[in-house]
Protein backbone atom coordinates (compact mmCIF):
# COMPACT_ATOMS: atom_id res chain seq x y z
CA UNK A 1 -43.20 21.59 4.75
CA UNK A 2 -44.90 18.69 6.46
CA UNK A 3 -43.37 16.48 9.30
CA UNK A 4 -42.95 13.43 7.01
CA UNK A 5 -40.92 15.27 4.37
CA UNK A 6 -38.78 16.84 7.05
CA UNK A 7 -38.05 13.43 8.62
CA UNK A 8 -37.37 11.84 5.22
CA UNK A 9 -34.85 14.57 4.43
CA UNK A 10 -33.00 14.22 7.80
CA UNK A 11 -32.82 10.45 7.25
CA UNK A 12 -31.45 11.00 3.78
CA UNK A 13 -28.71 13.30 5.14
CA UNK A 14 -27.85 10.71 7.79
CA UNK A 15 -27.54 8.00 5.12
CA UNK A 16 -25.31 10.26 3.01
CA UNK A 17 -23.13 11.06 6.03
CA UNK A 18 -22.84 7.38 6.77
CA UNK A 19 -21.93 6.60 3.19
CA UNK A 20 -19.25 9.28 3.07
CA UNK A 21 -17.68 7.95 6.31
CA UNK A 22 -17.58 4.37 4.95
CA UNK A 23 -16.03 5.59 1.64
CA UNK A 24 -13.42 7.56 3.47
CA UNK A 25 -12.40 4.62 5.56
CA UNK A 26 -12.31 2.32 2.49
CA UNK A 27 -10.15 4.89 0.76
CA UNK A 28 -7.65 5.05 3.79
CA UNK A 29 -7.44 1.34 3.75
CA UNK A 30 -6.70 1.18 0.10
CA UNK A 31 -3.97 3.83 0.43
CA UNK A 32 -2.42 1.87 3.23
CA UNK A 33 -2.45 -1.27 1.26
CA UNK A 34 -0.84 0.41 -1.67
CA UNK A 35 1.89 1.82 0.49
CA UNK A 36 2.62 -1.69 1.87
CA UNK A 37 2.77 -3.07 -1.70
CA UNK A 38 5.07 -0.29 -2.78
CA UNK A 39 7.29 -0.99 0.21
CA UNK A 40 7.51 -4.66 -0.59
CA UNK A 41 8.43 -3.93 -4.29
CA UNK A 42 11.31 -1.55 -3.45
CA UNK A 43 14.76 -3.08 -3.78
CA UNK A 44 16.51 -3.45 -0.45
CA UNK A 45 18.98 -0.76 0.38
CA UNK A 46 22.37 -2.36 0.36
CA UNK A 47 24.66 -0.80 2.99
CA UNK A 48 27.54 -3.43 2.46
CA UNK A 49 30.08 -2.88 -0.19
CA UNK A 50 31.01 -5.73 -2.49
CA UNK A 51 33.85 -7.95 -1.17
CA UNK A 52 37.26 -6.70 -2.34
CA UNK A 53 38.77 -9.71 -4.25
CA UNK A 54 41.91 -9.66 -6.37
CA UNK A 55 41.72 -9.82 -10.17
CA UNK A 56 40.98 -13.27 -11.47
CA UNK A 57 39.39 -14.81 -8.38
CA UNK A 58 36.21 -16.62 -9.25
CA UNK A 59 36.74 -16.49 -12.96
CA UNK A 60 38.05 -20.09 -13.55
CA UNK A 61 35.73 -22.49 -11.82
CA UNK A 62 36.14 -26.24 -12.62
CA UNK A 63 32.70 -27.85 -12.02
CA UNK A 64 33.66 -31.28 -13.58
CA UNK A 65 33.33 -34.25 -11.31
């Protein structure tokens, strides 16, 4: 194997390693963005109970002016 072919093979391997590193970083970024979107789409966890009102309160509302 001559020197030029060996150097070409080494440069090709370095290029492939760089491409894999860039692809891995892009994948991590995409996964992080998807997690953020899913977190925004989740309904809020309600820790408060609805107000206790007696029956009939709020059922007859007169809005005429």
